[in-house]
């Protein structure tokens, strides 16, 4: 049983995770994220056009590999997994993206931050 009561709702999309993990540009982004960084910082460090960096970052957020943290001036992106495990029980591939341990309070705070960002009318 998962320690996260929201884990079923947050299951990563198999194709999205594999798409990100097989992209050299996504690997470059992951190598750059030794600390949270803005999209502009990542684009510069990886020598990517900003539009490409934004697309890759958002795809990795959707895949559950990155966490987008709203900031005062710009959002910052951080790695949001400790390991990705692929198993093949009964001939079916199964995927588990294991996030770093975070308290329920931190998870709820992140969720409300995302809700605020989505509903902001700025």
C-alpha atoms as a PDB file:
ATOM      1  CA  UNK A   1       0.000   0.000   0.000  1.00  0.00           C
ATOM      2  CA  UNK A   2       1.251   3.434  -0.901  1.00  0.00           C
ATOM      3  CA  UNK A   3       1.960   6.011   1.797  1.00  0.00           C
ATOM      4  CA  UNK A   4       0.489   8.686  -0.475  1.00  0.00           C
ATOM      5  CA  UNK A   5      -3.325   8.694  -0.442  1.00  0.00           C
ATOM      6  CA  UNK A   6      -3.301  10.527  -3.788  1.00  0.00           C
ATOM      7  CA  UNK A   7      -0.965   8.069  -5.521  1.00  0.00           C
ATOM      8  CA  UNK A   8      -3.654   6.463  -7.683  1.00  0.00           C
ATOM      9  CA  UNK A   9      -4.672   9.881  -9.014  1.00  0.00           C
ATOM     10  CA  UNK A  10      -1.055  10.801  -9.646  1.00  0.00           C
ATOM     11  CA  UNK A  11       0.070   7.717 -11.582  1.00  0.00           C
ATOM     12  CA  UNK A  12       2.444   8.734 -14.378  1.00  0.00           C
ATOM     13  CA  UNK A  13       1.565   8.037 -17.995  1.00  0.00           C
ATOM     14  CA  UNK A  14       3.733   5.169 -19.229  1.00  0.00           C
ATOM     15  CA  UNK A  15       4.309   6.672 -22.691  1.00  0.00           C
ATOM     16  CA  UNK A  16       5.030  10.146 -21.273  1.00  0.00           C
ATOM     17  CA  UNK A  17       7.718   8.814 -18.924  1.00  0.00           C
ATOM     18  CA  UNK A  18       9.384   6.683 -21.591  1.00  0.00           C
ATOM     19  CA  UNK A  19       9.150   9.542 -24.083  1.00  0.00           C
ATOM     20  CA  UNK A  20      10.977  11.816 -21.679  1.00  0.00           C
ATOM     21  CA  UNK A  21      13.562   9.237 -20.669  1.00  0.00           C
ATOM     22  CA  UNK A  22      14.423   8.431 -24.281  1.00  0.00           C
ATOM     23  CA  UNK A  23      14.889  12.079 -25.263  1.00  0.00           C
ATOM     24  CA  UNK A  24      18.492  13.301 -25.239  1.00  0.00           C
ATOM     25  CA  UNK A  25      17.248  16.853 -24.613  1.00  0.00           C
ATOM     26  CA  UNK A  26      15.328  15.692 -21.533  1.00  0.00           C
ATOM     27  CA  UNK A  27      18.454  13.928 -20.271  1.00  0.00           C
ATOM     28  CA  UNK A  28      20.386  17.185 -20.741  1.00  0.00           C
ATOM     29  CA  UNK A  29      17.740  18.983 -18.689  1.00  0.00           C
ATOM     30  CA  UNK A  30      17.899  16.381 -15.911  1.00  0.00           C
ATOM     31  CA  UNK A  31      21.702  16.650 -15.782  1.00  0.00           C
ATOM     32  CA  UNK A  32      21.352  20.431 -15.363  1.00  0.00           C
ATOM     33  CA  UNK A  33      18.973  20.241 -12.406  1.00  0.00           C
ATOM     34  CA  UNK A  34      21.398  19.941  -9.516  1.00  0.00           C
ATOM     35  CA  UNK A  35      19.178  22.619  -7.915  1.00  0.00           C
ATOM     36  CA  UNK A  36      15.828  24.202  -8.896  1.00  0.00           C
ATOM     37  CA  UNK A  37      16.216  26.384 -11.986  1.00  0.00           C
ATOM     38  CA  UNK A  38      14.054  28.568 -14.201  1.00  0.00           C
ATOM     39  CA  UNK A  39      13.214  27.608 -17.761  1.00  0.00           C
ATOM     40  CA  UNK A  40      15.464  30.398 -19.022  1.00  0.00           C
ATOM     41  CA  UNK A  41      18.407  29.090 -16.973  1.00  0.00           C
ATOM     42  CA  UNK A  42      17.778  25.551 -18.226  1.00  0.00           C
ATOM     43  CA  UNK A  43      17.455  26.672 -21.853  1.00  0.00           C
ATOM     44  CA  UNK A  44      20.745  28.547 -21.591  1.00  0.00           C
ATOM     45  CA  UNK A  45      22.606  25.714 -19.828  1.00  0.00           C
ATOM     46  CA  UNK A  46      21.342  23.112 -22.314  1.00  0.00           C
ATOM     47  CA  UNK A  47      21.724  25.351 -25.377  1.00  0.00           C
ATOM     48  CA  UNK A  48      18.036  24.901 -26.237  1.00  0.00           C
ATOM     49  CA  UNK A  49      15.591  27.392 -27.709  1.00  0.00           C
ATOM     50  CA  UNK A  50      13.265  28.570 -24.943  1.00  0.00           C
ATOM     51  CA  UNK A  51      10.228  27.119 -26.700  1.00  0.00           C
ATOM     52  CA  UNK A  52      11.892  23.689 -26.782  1.00  0.00           C
ATOM     53  CA  UNK A  53      12.961  23.980 -23.147  1.00  0.00           C
ATOM     54  CA  UNK A  54       9.420  24.885 -22.069  1.00  0.00           C
ATOM     55  CA  UNK A  55       7.971  21.970 -24.058  1.00  0.00           C
ATOM     56  CA  UNK A  56      10.447  19.490 -22.570  1.00  0.00           C
ATOM     57  CA  UNK A  57       9.958  20.828 -19.044  1.00  0.00           C
ATOM     58  CA  UNK A  58       6.175  20.632 -19.236  1.00  0.00           C
ATOM     59  CA  UNK A  59       6.312  17.111 -20.660  1.00  0.00           C
ATOM     60  CA  UNK A  60       8.547  16.036 -17.769  1.00  0.00           C
ATOM     61  CA  UNK A  61       6.225  17.697 -15.236  1.00  0.00           C
ATOM     62  CA  UNK A  62       3.275  15.808 -16.766  1.00  0.00           C
ATOM     63  CA  UNK A  63       5.309  12.583 -16.646  1.00  0.00           C
ATOM     64  CA  UNK A  64       5.950  13.074 -12.914  1.00  0.00           C
ATOM     65  CA  UNK A  65       9.702  13.509 -13.340  1.00  0.00           C
ATOM     66  CA  UNK A  66       9.865  17.221 -12.462  1.00  0.00           C
ATOM     67  CA  UNK A  67       8.100  19.481 -10.001  1.00  0.00           C
ATOM     68  CA  UNK A  68       7.203  22.999 -11.073  1.00  0.00           C
ATOM     69  CA  UNK A  69       7.501  25.482  -8.208  1.00  0.00           C
ATOM     70  CA  UNK A  70       5.815  28.850  -8.643  1.00  0.00           C
ATOM     71  CA  UNK A  71       8.116  31.741  -7.873  1.00  0.00           C
ATOM     72  CA  UNK A  72       7.793  35.478  -7.540  1.00  0.00           C
ATOM     73  CA  UNK A  73       9.529  36.204 -10.835  1.00  0.00           C
ATOM     74  CA  UNK A  74       9.482  32.833 -12.639  1.00  0.00           C
ATOM     75  CA  UNK A  75       8.637  29.208 -12.018  1.00  0.00           C
ATOM     76  CA  UNK A  76      11.480  26.920 -11.051  1.00  0.00           C
ATOM     77  CA  UNK A  77      11.788  23.283 -11.982  1.00  0.00           C
ATOM     78  CA  UNK A  78      13.257  20.551  -9.798  1.00  0.00           C
ATOM     79  CA  UNK A  79      13.728  16.808 -10.134  1.00  0.00           C
ATOM     80  CA  UNK A  80      10.794  15.051  -8.475  1.00  0.00           C
ATOM     81  CA  UNK A  81      11.824  11.396  -8.464  1.00  0.00           C
ATOM     82  CA  UNK A  82      14.349   9.174  -6.776  1.00  0.00           C
ATOM     83  CA  UNK A  83      14.049   6.281  -9.172  1.00  0.00           C
ATOM     84  CA  UNK A  84      12.057   4.939 -12.088  1.00  0.00           C
ATOM     85  CA  UNK A  85      11.369   1.218 -11.888  1.00  0.00           C
ATOM     86  CA  UNK A  86      10.150  -0.891 -14.794  1.00  0.00           C
ATOM     87  CA  UNK A  87       8.936  -4.412 -14.104  1.00  0.00           C
ATOM     88  CA  UNK A  88       7.436  -7.089 -16.317  1.00  0.00           C
ATOM     89  CA  UNK A  89       5.106  -9.211 -14.202  1.00  0.00           C
ATOM     90  CA  UNK A  90       3.012 -11.625 -16.277  1.00  0.00           C
ATOM     91  CA  UNK A  91       4.453 -10.206 -19.510  1.00  0.00           C
ATOM     92  CA  UNK A  92       3.004  -6.720 -19.002  1.00  0.00           C
ATOM     93  CA  UNK A  93       5.341  -3.771 -18.508  1.00  0.00           C
ATOM     94  CA  UNK A  94       4.602  -1.785 -15.380  1.00  0.00           C
ATOM     95  CA  UNK A  95       6.133   1.530 -14.428  1.00  0.00           C
ATOM     96  CA  UNK A  96       6.692   3.101 -11.048  1.00  0.00           C
ATOM     97  CA  UNK A  97       8.124   6.598 -10.687  1.00  0.00           C
ATOM     98  CA  UNK A  98       9.187   6.835  -7.064  1.00  0.00           C
ATOM     99  CA  UNK A  99       9.152  10.390  -5.739  1.00  0.00           C
ATOM    100  CA  UNK A 100      11.399  11.624  -2.957  1.00  0.00           C
ATOM    101  CA  UNK A 101       9.880  11.365   0.496  1.00  0.00           C
ATOM    102  CA  UNK A 102       7.806  14.466   1.216  1.00  0.00           C
ATOM    103  CA  UNK A 103       5.370  15.084   3.998  1.00  0.00           C
ATOM    104  CA  UNK A 104       1.639  15.187   3.331  1.00  0.00           C
ATOM    105  CA  UNK A 105       1.759  18.853   4.307  1.00  0.00           C
ATOM    106  CA  UNK A 106       4.371  19.593   1.616  1.00  0.00           C
ATOM    107  CA  UNK A 107       2.376  17.656  -0.975  1.00  0.00           C
ATOM    108  CA  UNK A 108      -0.821  19.516  -0.098  1.00  0.00           C
ATOM    109  CA  UNK A 109       1.013  22.837  -0.234  1.00  0.00           C
ATOM    110  CA  UNK A 110       2.321  21.985  -3.723  1.00  0.00           C
ATOM    111  CA  UNK A 111      -1.156  20.973  -4.845  1.00  0.00           C
ATOM    112  CA  UNK A 112      -2.736  24.211  -3.616  1.00  0.00           C
ATOM    113  CA  UNK A 113       0.063  26.183  -5.259  1.00  0.00           C
ATOM    114  CA  UNK A 114      -0.779  24.528  -8.566  1.00  0.00           C
ATOM    115  CA  UNK A 115      -4.489  25.239  -8.085  1.00  0.00           C
ATOM    116  CA  UNK A 116      -3.728  28.905  -7.357  1.00  0.00           C
ATOM    117  CA  UNK A 117      -1.531  29.140 -10.451  1.00  0.00           C
ATOM    118  CA  UNK A 118      -4.192  27.559 -12.655  1.00  0.00           C
ATOM    119  CA  UNK A 119      -6.967  29.814 -11.352  1.00  0.00           C
ATOM    120  CA  UNK A 120      -4.978  33.040 -11.259  1.00  0.00           C
ATOM    121  CA  UNK A 121      -6.469  35.802 -13.392  1.00  0.00           C
ATOM    122  CA  UNK A 122      -3.267  37.849 -13.771  1.00  0.00           C
END
